[in-house]
Amino acid sequence: VLSAISGVSKRIKEVAQTYKPLFGGEHFLTGKEVCERLYISPRTLQDYRDKGIIPYTQFAGKILYKESEIERILKNNYREKDKMKMEY
């Protein structure tokens, strides 16, 4: 019983750390999360913001990104394998 309680407690802590509430039906990501998803550096993310490539919102000094916008950007820039050129 104690091990079951310990397991449930551990899972609750994991969920609490990764929980992202919806705001207007939308999930928002931090810059760190966007960098991890896109495999880019914070500086590259800043360049994308400056160039208008990635939309964002700023509130109380925090910059946030709509998860749906990041997914849209990935989908729109996806290239099929046979359409890509191999360059060496």
PDB file of N, CA and C in Angstrom:
ATOM      1  N   VAL A   1       0.835  -1.189   0.000  1.00  0.00           N
ATOM      2  CA  VAL A   1       0.000   0.000   0.000  1.00  0.00           C
ATOM      3  C   VAL A   1       0.880   1.253   0.000  1.00  0.00           C
ATOM      4  N   LEU A   2       1.939   1.241   0.807  1.00  0.00           N
ATOM      5  CA  LEU A   2       2.824   2.402   0.861  1.00  0.00           C
ATOM      6  C   LEU A   2       3.523   2.648  -0.477  1.00  0.00           C
ATOM      7  N   SER A   3       3.907   1.581  -1.150  1.00  0.00           N
ATOM      8  CA  SER A   3       4.561   1.772  -2.449  1.00  0.00           C
ATOM      9  C   SER A   3       3.575   2.327  -3.476  1.00  0.00           C
ATOM     10  N   ALA A   4       2.318   1.930  -3.389  1.00  0.00           N
ATOM     11  CA  ALA A   4       1.292   2.465  -4.295  1.00  0.00           C
ATOM     12  C   ALA A   4       1.072   3.946  -4.027  1.00  0.00           C
ATOM     13  N   ILE A   5       1.014   4.314  -2.765  1.00  0.00           N
ATOM     14  CA  ILE A   5       0.841   5.722  -2.394  1.00  0.00           C
ATOM     15  C   ILE A   5       2.048   6.529  -2.847  1.00  0.00           C
ATOM     16  N   SER A   6       3.228   5.972  -2.669  1.00  0.00           N
ATOM     17  CA  SER A   6       4.446   6.653  -3.105  1.00  0.00           C
ATOM     18  C   SER A   6       4.443   6.852  -4.621  1.00  0.00           C
ATOM     19  N   GLY A   7       3.997   5.836  -5.353  1.00  0.00           N
ATOM     20  CA  GLY A   7       3.921   5.939  -6.812  1.00  0.00           C
ATOM     21  C   GLY A   7       2.935   6.993  -7.262  1.00  0.00           C
ATOM     22  N   VAL A   8       1.780   7.053  -6.611  1.00  0.00           N
ATOM     23  CA  VAL A   8       0.767   8.058  -6.942  1.00  0.00           C
ATOM     24  C   VAL A   8       1.292   9.447  -6.617  1.00  0.00           C
ATOM     25  N   SER A   9       1.952   9.580  -5.482  1.00  0.00           N
ATOM     26  CA  SER A   9       2.513  10.870  -5.083  1.00  0.00           C
ATOM     27  C   SER A   9       3.557  11.340  -6.095  1.00  0.00           C
ATOM     28  N   LYS A  10       4.401  10.426  -6.546  1.00  0.00           N
ATOM     29  CA  LYS A  10       5.423  10.767  -7.537  1.00  0.00           C
ATOM     30  C   LYS A  10       4.770  11.223  -8.839  1.00  0.00           C
ATOM     31  N   ARG A  11       3.734  10.520  -9.268  1.00  0.00           N
ATOM     32  CA  ARG A  11       3.044  10.872 -10.519  1.00  0.00           C
ATOM     33  C   ARG A  11       2.359  12.232 -10.406  1.00  0.00           C
ATOM     34  N   ILE A  12       1.774  12.532  -9.260  1.00  0.00           N
ATOM     35  CA  ILE A  12       1.135  13.836  -9.043  1.00  0.00           C
ATOM     36  C   ILE A  12       2.169  14.946  -9.160  1.00  0.00           C
ATOM     37  N   LYS A  13       3.347  14.742  -8.590  1.00  0.00           N
ATOM     38  CA  LYS A  13       4.412  15.744  -8.687  1.00  0.00           C
ATOM     39  C   LYS A  13       4.847  15.945 -10.135  1.00  0.00           C
ATOM     40  N   GLU A  14       4.957  14.845 -10.891  1.00  0.00           N
ATOM     41  CA  GLU A  14       5.344  14.944 -12.305  1.00  0.00           C
ATOM     42  C   GLU A  14       4.313  15.739 -13.098  1.00  0.00           C
ATOM     43  N   VAL A  15       3.049  15.443 -12.882  1.00  0.00           N
ATOM     44  CA  VAL A  15       1.971  16.140 -13.598  1.00  0.00           C
ATOM     45  C   VAL A  15       1.958  17.610 -13.215  1.00  0.00           C
ATOM     46  N   ALA A  16       2.133  17.907 -11.945  1.00  0.00           N
ATOM     47  CA  ALA A  16       2.119  19.298 -11.482  1.00  0.00           C
ATOM     48  C   ALA A  16       3.255  20.102 -12.113  1.00  0.00           C
ATOM     49  N   GLN A  17       4.398  19.472 -12.332  1.00  0.00           N
ATOM     50  CA  GLN A  17       5.540  20.178 -12.920  1.00  0.00           C
ATOM     51  C   GLN A  17       5.358  20.440 -14.409  1.00  0.00           C
ATOM     52  N   THR A  18       4.616  19.585 -15.082  1.00  0.00           N
ATOM     53  CA  THR A  18       4.457  19.735 -16.534  1.00  0.00           C
ATOM     54  C   THR A  18       3.084  20.259 -16.935  1.00  0.00           C
ATOM     55  N   TYR A  19       2.212  20.504 -15.990  1.00  0.00           N
ATOM     56  CA  TYR A  19       0.854  20.958 -16.289  1.00  0.00           C
ATOM     57  C   TYR A  19       0.880  22.345 -16.911  1.00  0.00           C
ATOM     58  N   LYS A  20       0.155  22.492 -17.991  1.00  0.00           N
ATOM     59  CA  LYS A  20       0.047  23.779 -18.672  1.00  0.00           C
ATOM     60  C   LYS A  20      -1.431  24.115 -18.807  1.00  0.00           C
ATOM     61  N   PRO A  21      -1.882  25.090 -18.056  1.00  0.00           N
ATOM     62  CA  PRO A  21      -3.294  25.446 -18.156  1.00  0.00           C
ATOM     63  C   PRO A  21      -3.605  26.081 -19.504  1.00  0.00           C
ATOM     64  N   LEU A  22      -4.839  25.946 -19.918  1.00  0.00           N
ATOM     65  CA  LEU A  22      -5.297  26.580 -21.150  1.00  0.00           C
ATOM     66  C   LEU A  22      -5.636  28.030 -20.876  1.00  0.00           C
ATOM     67  N   PHE A  23      -5.343  28.884 -21.814  1.00  0.00           N
ATOM     68  CA  PHE A  23      -5.758  30.278 -21.744  1.00  0.00           C
ATOM     69  C   PHE A  23      -6.504  30.546 -23.036  1.00  0.00           C
ATOM     70  N   GLY A  24      -7.798  30.725 -22.923  1.00  0.00           N
ATOM     71  CA  GLY A  24      -8.612  30.912 -24.121  1.00  0.00           C
ATOM     72  C   GLY A  24      -8.577  29.683 -25.019  1.00  0.00           C
ATOM     73  N   GLY A  25      -8.463  28.510 -24.425  1.00  0.00           N
ATOM     74  CA  GLY A  25      -8.418  27.275 -25.195  1.00  0.00           C
ATOM     75  C   GLY A  25      -7.080  26.994 -25.847  1.00  0.00           C
ATOM     76  N   GLU A  26      -6.061  27.717 -25.468  1.00  0.00           N
ATOM     77  CA  GLU A  26      -4.746  27.599 -26.107  1.00  0.00           C
ATOM     78  C   GLU A  26      -3.666  27.303 -25.075  1.00  0.00           C
ATOM     79  N   HIS A  27      -2.756  26.386 -25.427  1.00  0.00           N
ATOM     80  CA  HIS A  27      -1.573  26.130 -24.605  1.00  0.00           C
ATOM     81  C   HIS A  27      -0.471  27.084 -25.051  1.00  0.00           C
ATOM     82  N   PHE A  28       0.277  27.601 -24.097  1.00  0.00           N
ATOM     83  CA  PHE A  28       1.404  28.479 -24.404  1.00  0.00           C
ATOM     84  C   PHE A  28       2.701  27.814 -23.969  1.00  0.00           C
ATOM     85  N   LEU A  29       3.762  28.089 -24.702  1.00  0.00           N
ATOM     86  CA  LEU A  29       5.077  27.527 -24.416  1.00  0.00           C
ATOM     87  C   LEU A  29       6.051  28.631 -24.043  1.00  0.00           C
ATOM     88  N   THR A  30       7.017  28.289 -23.218  1.00  0.00           N
ATOM     89  CA  THR A  30       8.091  29.220 -22.895  1.00  0.00           C
ATOM     90  C   THR A  30       9.136  29.168 -24.008  1.00  0.00           C
ATOM     91  N   GLY A  31      10.048  30.118 -23.992  1.00  0.00           N
ATOM     92  CA  GLY A  31      11.129  30.116 -24.969  1.00  0.00           C
ATOM     93  C   GLY A  31      11.964  28.852 -24.880  1.00  0.00           C
ATOM     94  N   LYS A  32      12.219  28.399 -23.673  1.00  0.00           N
ATOM     95  CA  LYS A  32      13.005  27.182 -23.477  1.00  0.00           C
ATOM     96  C   LYS A  32      12.319  25.986 -24.127  1.00  0.00           C
ATOM     97  N   GLU A  33      11.008  25.890 -23.948  1.00  0.00           N
ATOM     98  CA  GLU A  33      10.261  24.778 -24.535  1.00  0.00           C
ATOM     99  C   GLU A  33      10.269  24.844 -26.066  1.00  0.00           C
ATOM    100  N   VAL A  34      10.146  26.049 -26.609  1.00  0.00           N
ATOM    101  CA  VAL A  34      10.186  26.210 -28.070  1.00  0.00           C
ATOM    102  C   VAL A  34      11.563  25.810 -28.597  1.00  0.00           C
ATOM    103  N   CYS A  35      12.613  26.253 -27.934  1.00  0.00           N
ATOM    104  CA  CYS A  35      13.976  25.898 -28.346  1.00  0.00           C
ATOM    105  C   CYS A  35      14.174  24.383 -28.336  1.00  0.00           C
ATOM    106  N   GLU A  36      13.655  23.723 -27.308  1.00  0.00           N
ATOM    107  CA  GLU A  36      13.787  22.271 -27.216  1.00  0.00           C
ATOM    108  C   GLU A  36      13.023  21.580 -28.342  1.00  0.00           C
ATOM    109  N   ARG A  37      11.840  22.073 -28.660  1.00  0.00           N
ATOM    110  CA  ARG A  37      11.027  21.446 -29.716  1.00  0.00           C
ATOM    111  C   ARG A  37      11.613  21.663 -31.098  1.00  0.00           C
ATOM    112  N   LEU A  38      12.195  22.823 -31.323  1.00  0.00           N
ATOM    113  CA  LEU A  38      12.721  23.152 -32.647  1.00  0.00           C
ATOM    114  C   LEU A  38      14.214  22.867 -32.784  1.00  0.00           C
ATOM    115  N   TYR A  39      14.856  22.464 -31.683  1.00  0.00           N
ATOM    116  CA  TYR A  39      16.300  22.210 -31.672  1.00  0.00           C
ATOM    117  C   TYR A  39      17.069  23.447 -32.133  1.00  0.00           C
ATOM    118  N   ILE A  40      16.734  24.578 -31.522  1.00  0.00           N
ATOM    119  CA  ILE A  40      17.414  25.835 -31.837  1.00  0.00           C
ATOM    120  C   ILE A  40      17.905  26.474 -30.542  1.00  0.00           C
ATOM    121  N   SER A  41      18.790  27.432 -30.678  1.00  0.00           N
ATOM    122  CA  SER A  41      19.316  28.149 -29.516  1.00  0.00           C
ATOM    123  C   SER A  41      18.384  29.309 -29.167  1.00  0.00           C
ATOM    124  N   PRO A  42      18.492  29.826 -27.946  1.00  0.00           N
ATOM    125  CA  PRO A  42      17.699  31.009 -27.582  1.00  0.00           C
ATOM    126  C   PRO A  42      17.975  32.195 -28.504  1.00  0.00           C
ATOM    127  N   ARG A  43      19.208  32.330 -28.959  1.00  0.00           N
ATOM    128  CA  ARG A  43      19.552  33.434 -29.864  1.00  0.00           C
ATOM    129  C   ARG A  43      18.830  33.286 -31.210  1.00  0.00           C
ATOM    130  N   THR A  44      18.773  32.074 -31.722  1.00  0.00           N
ATOM    131  CA  THR A  44      18.053  31.824 -32.975  1.00  0.00           C
ATOM    132  C   THR A  44      16.573  32.112 -32.797  1.00  0.00           C
ATOM    133  N   LEU A  45      16.027  31.725 -31.657  1.00  0.00           N
ATOM    134  CA  LEU A  45      14.616  32.013 -31.385  1.00  0.00           C
ATOM    135  C   LEU A  45      14.382  33.520 -31.365  1.00  0.00           C
ATOM    136  N   GLN A  46      15.298  34.262 -30.765  1.00  0.00           N
ATOM    137  CA  GLN A  46      15.181  35.721 -30.748  1.00  0.00           C
ATOM    138  C   GLN A  46      15.238  36.279 -32.172  1.00  0.00           C
ATOM    139  N   ASP A  47      16.132  35.751 -32.990  1.00  0.00           N
ATOM    140  CA  ASP A  47      16.210  36.179 -34.395  1.00  0.00           C
ATOM    141  C   ASP A  47      14.889  35.916 -35.112  1.00  0.00           C
ATOM    142  N   TYR A  48      14.294  34.747 -34.869  1.00  0.00           N
ATOM    143  CA  TYR A  48      13.007  34.417 -35.490  1.00  0.00           C
ATOM    144  C   TYR A  48      11.919  35.390 -35.046  1.00  0.00           C
ATOM    145  N   ARG A  49      11.954  35.776 -33.779  1.00  0.00           N
ATOM    146  CA  ARG A  49      10.983  36.775 -33.282  1.00  0.00           C
ATOM    147  C   ARG A  49      11.201  38.102 -33.983  1.00  0.00           C
ATOM    148  N   ASP A  50      12.455  38.539 -34.020  1.00  0.00           N
ATOM    149  CA  ASP A  50      12.795  39.835 -34.618  1.00  0.00           C
ATOM    150  C   ASP A  50      12.408  39.902 -36.096  1.00  0.00           C
ATOM    151  N   LYS A  51      12.525  38.779 -36.797  1.00  0.00           N
ATOM    152  CA  LYS A  51      12.208  38.731 -38.226  1.00  0.00           C
ATOM    153  C   LYS A  51      10.730  38.441 -38.491  1.00  0.00           C
ATOM    154  N   GLY A  52       9.956  38.220 -37.427  1.00  0.00           N
ATOM    155  CA  GLY A  52       8.531  37.945 -37.593  1.00  0.00           C
ATOM    156  C   GLY A  52       8.229  36.532 -38.053  1.00  0.00           C
ATOM    157  N   ILE A  53       9.184  35.638 -37.907  1.00  0.00           N
ATOM    158  CA  ILE A  53       8.986  34.250 -38.324  1.00  0.00           C
ATOM    159  C   ILE A  53       8.105  33.508 -37.330  1.00  0.00           C
ATOM    160  N   ILE A  54       8.304  33.795 -36.053  1.00  0.00           N
ATOM    161  CA  ILE A  54       7.536  33.136 -34.994  1.00  0.00           C
ATOM    162  C   ILE A  54       6.756  34.190 -34.222  1.00  0.00           C
ATOM    163  N   PRO A  55       5.424  34.085 -34.233  1.00  0.00           N
ATOM    164  CA  PRO A  55       4.628  35.033 -33.455  1.00  0.00           C
ATOM    165  C   PRO A  55       4.740  34.731 -31.955  1.00  0.00           C
ATOM    166  N   TYR A  56       4.576  35.757 -31.153  1.00  0.00           N
ATOM    167  CA  TYR A  56       4.685  35.597 -29.700  1.00  0.00           C
ATOM    168  C   TYR A  56       3.831  36.644 -29.008  1.00  0.00           C
ATOM    169  N   THR A  57       3.678  36.439 -27.718  1.00  0.00           N
ATOM    170  CA  THR A  57       3.012  37.434 -26.893  1.00  0.00           C
ATOM    171  C   THR A  57       3.903  37.716 -25.698  1.00  0.00           C
ATOM    172  N   GLN A  58       3.866  38.928 -25.219  1.00  0.00           N
ATOM    173  CA  GLN A  58       4.670  39.295 -24.057  1.00  0.00           C
ATOM    174  C   GLN A  58       3.738  39.815 -22.984  1.00  0.00           C
ATOM    175  N   PHE A  59       3.868  39.237 -21.801  1.00  0.00           N
ATOM    176  CA  PHE A  59       3.021  39.627 -20.685  1.00  0.00           C
ATOM    177  C   PHE A  59       3.854  39.588 -19.419  1.00  0.00           C
ATOM    178  N   ALA A  60       3.830  40.669 -18.684  1.00  0.00           N
ATOM    179  CA  ALA A  60       4.556  40.768 -17.409  1.00  0.00           C
ATOM    180  C   ALA A  60       6.024  40.367 -17.567  1.00  0.00           C
ATOM    181  N   GLY A  61       6.628  40.791 -18.660  1.00  0.00           N
ATOM    182  CA  GLY A  61       8.041  40.517 -18.876  1.00  0.00           C
ATOM    183  C   GLY A  61       8.361  39.131 -19.398  1.00  0.00           C
ATOM    184  N   LYS A  62       7.346  38.293 -19.583  1.00  0.00           N
ATOM    185  CA  LYS A  62       7.569  36.942 -20.094  1.00  0.00           C
ATOM    186  C   LYS A  62       7.125  36.868 -21.540  1.00  0.00           C
ATOM    187  N   ILE A  63       7.907  36.185 -22.343  1.00  0.00           N
ATOM    188  CA  ILE A  63       7.549  35.964 -23.738  1.00  0.00           C
ATOM    189  C   ILE A  63       7.024  34.541 -23.854  1.00  0.00           C
ATOM    190  N   LEU A  64       5.838  34.423 -24.432  1.00  0.00           N
ATOM    191  CA  LEU A  64       5.187  33.128 -24.586  1.00  0.00           C
ATOM    192  C   LEU A  64       4.791  32.916 -26.039  1.00  0.00           C
ATOM    193  N   TYR A  65       4.697  31.645 -26.418  1.00  0.00           N
ATOM    194  CA  TYR A  65       4.400  31.265 -27.790  1.00  0.00           C
ATOM    195  C   TYR A  65       3.219  30.304 -27.796  1.00  0.00           C
ATOM    196  N   LYS A  66       2.284  30.510 -28.717  1.00  0.00           N
ATOM    197  CA  LYS A  66       1.157  29.587 -28.837  1.00  0.00           C
ATOM    198  C   LYS A  66       1.671  28.259 -29.383  1.00  0.00           C
ATOM    199  N   GLU A  67       1.318  27.200 -28.690  1.00  0.00           N
ATOM    200  CA  GLU A  67       1.731  25.869 -29.127  1.00  0.00           C
ATOM    201  C   GLU A  67       1.208  25.575 -30.535  1.00  0.00           C
ATOM    202  N   SER A  68      -0.011  25.994 -30.825  1.00  0.00           N
ATOM    203  CA  SER A  68      -0.594  25.740 -32.148  1.00  0.00           C
ATOM    204  C   SER A  68       0.183  26.462 -33.250  1.00  0.00           C
ATOM    205  N   GLU A  69       0.730  27.638 -32.958  1.00  0.00           N
ATOM    206  CA  GLU A  69       1.519  28.369 -33.953  1.00  0.00           C
ATOM    207  C   GLU A  69       2.840  27.656 -34.241  1.00  0.00           C
ATOM    208  N   ILE A  70       3.462  27.123 -33.204  1.00  0.00           N
ATOM    209  CA  ILE A  70       4.715  26.383 -33.391  1.00  0.00           C
ATOM    210  C   ILE A  70       4.449  25.142 -34.234  1.00  0.00           C
ATOM    211  N   GLU A  71       3.358  24.435 -33.937  1.00  0.00           N
ATOM    212  CA  GLU A  71       2.997  23.249 -34.714  1.00  0.00           C
ATOM    213  C   GLU A  71       2.686  23.626 -36.163  1.00  0.00           C
ATOM    214  N   ARG A  72       2.018  24.751 -36.371  1.00  0.00           N
ATOM    215  CA  ARG A  72       1.681  25.205 -37.725  1.00  0.00           C
ATOM    216  C   ARG A  72       2.958  25.500 -38.512  1.00  0.00           C
ATOM    217  N   ILE A  73       3.897  26.177 -37.874  1.00  0.00           N
ATOM    218  CA  ILE A  73       5.164  26.502 -38.529  1.00  0.00           C
ATOM    219  C   ILE A  73       5.904  25.220 -38.921  1.00  0.00           C
ATOM    220  N   LEU A  74       5.933  24.255 -38.018  1.00  0.00           N
ATOM    221  CA  LEU A  74       6.589  22.985 -38.328  1.00  0.00           C
ATOM    222  C   LEU A  74       5.904  22.291 -39.501  1.00  0.00           C
ATOM    223  N   LYS A  75       4.588  22.260 -39.475  1.00  0.00           N
ATOM    224  CA  LYS A  75       3.828  21.596 -40.537  1.00  0.00           C
ATOM    225  C   LYS A  75       4.034  22.296 -41.881  1.00  0.00           C
ATOM    226  N   ASN A  76       3.992  23.617 -41.895  1.00  0.00           N
ATOM    227  CA  ASN A  76       4.129  24.369 -43.142  1.00  0.00           C
ATOM    228  C   ASN A  76       5.529  24.278 -43.741  1.00  0.00           C
ATOM    229  N   ASN A  77       6.517  23.994 -42.918  1.00  0.00           N
ATOM    230  CA  ASN A  77       7.893  23.925 -43.405  1.00  0.00           C
ATOM    231  C   ASN A  77       8.412  22.501 -43.538  1.00  0.00           C
ATOM    232  N   TYR A  78       7.523  21.537 -43.391  1.00  0.00           N
ATOM    233  CA  TYR A  78       7.912  20.133 -43.514  1.00  0.00           C
ATOM    234  C   TYR A  78       8.187  19.796 -44.974  1.00  0.00           C
ATOM    235  N   ARG A  79       9.289  19.108 -45.212  1.00  0.00           N
ATOM    236  CA  ARG A  79       9.633  18.689 -46.572  1.00  0.00           C
ATOM    237  C   ARG A  79       9.693  17.168 -46.627  1.00  0.00           C
ATOM    238  N   GLU A  80       9.060  16.609 -47.631  1.00  0.00           N
ATOM    239  CA  GLU A  80       9.095  15.167 -47.841  1.00  0.00           C
ATOM    240  C   GLU A  80      10.510  14.729 -48.203  1.00  0.00           C
ATOM    241  N   LYS A  81      10.828  13.505 -47.881  1.00  0.00           N
ATOM    242  CA  LYS A  81      12.166  12.974 -48.125  1.00  0.00           C
ATOM    243  C   LYS A  81      12.562  13.070 -49.593  1.00  0.00           C
ATOM    244  N   ASP A  82      11.675  12.698 -50.510  1.00  0.00           N
ATOM    245  CA  ASP A  82      12.020  12.698 -51.927  1.00  0.00           C
ATOM    246  C   ASP A  82      12.109  14.103 -52.514  1.00  0.00           C
ATOM    247  N   LYS A  83      11.629  15.109 -51.786  1.00  0.00           N
ATOM    248  CA  LYS A  83      11.710  16.485 -52.259  1.00  0.00           C
ATOM    249  C   LYS A  83      12.989  17.176 -51.795  1.00  0.00           C
ATOM    250  N   MET A  84      13.692  16.556 -50.874  1.00  0.00           N
ATOM    251  CA  MET A  84      14.914  17.143 -50.331  1.00  0.00           C
ATOM    252  C   MET A  84      16.108  16.745 -51.194  1.00  0.00           C
ATOM    253  N   LYS A  85      17.045  17.649 -51.352  1.00  0.00           N
ATOM    254  CA  LYS A  85      18.275  17.348 -52.075  1.00  0.00           C
ATOM    255  C   LYS A  85      19.341  16.931 -51.074  1.00  0.00           C
ATOM    256  N   MET A  86      20.096  15.957 -51.453  1.00  0.00           N
ATOM    257  CA  MET A  86      21.226  15.548 -50.626  1.00  0.00           C
ATOM    258  C   MET A  86      22.413  16.402 -51.036  1.00  0.00           C
ATOM    259  N   GLU A  87      22.957  17.148 -50.103  1.00  0.00           N
ATOM    260  CA  GLU A  87      24.107  17.996 -50.393  1.00  0.00           C
ATOM    261  C   GLU A  87      25.282  17.547 -49.543  1.00  0.00           C
ATOM    262  N   TYR A  88      26.413  17.417 -50.172  1.00  0.00           N
ATOM    263  CA  TYR A  88      27.623  17.010 -49.450  1.00  0.00           C
ATOM    264  C   TYR A  88      28.692  18.031 -49.638  1.00  0.00           C
TER     265      TYR A  88
END
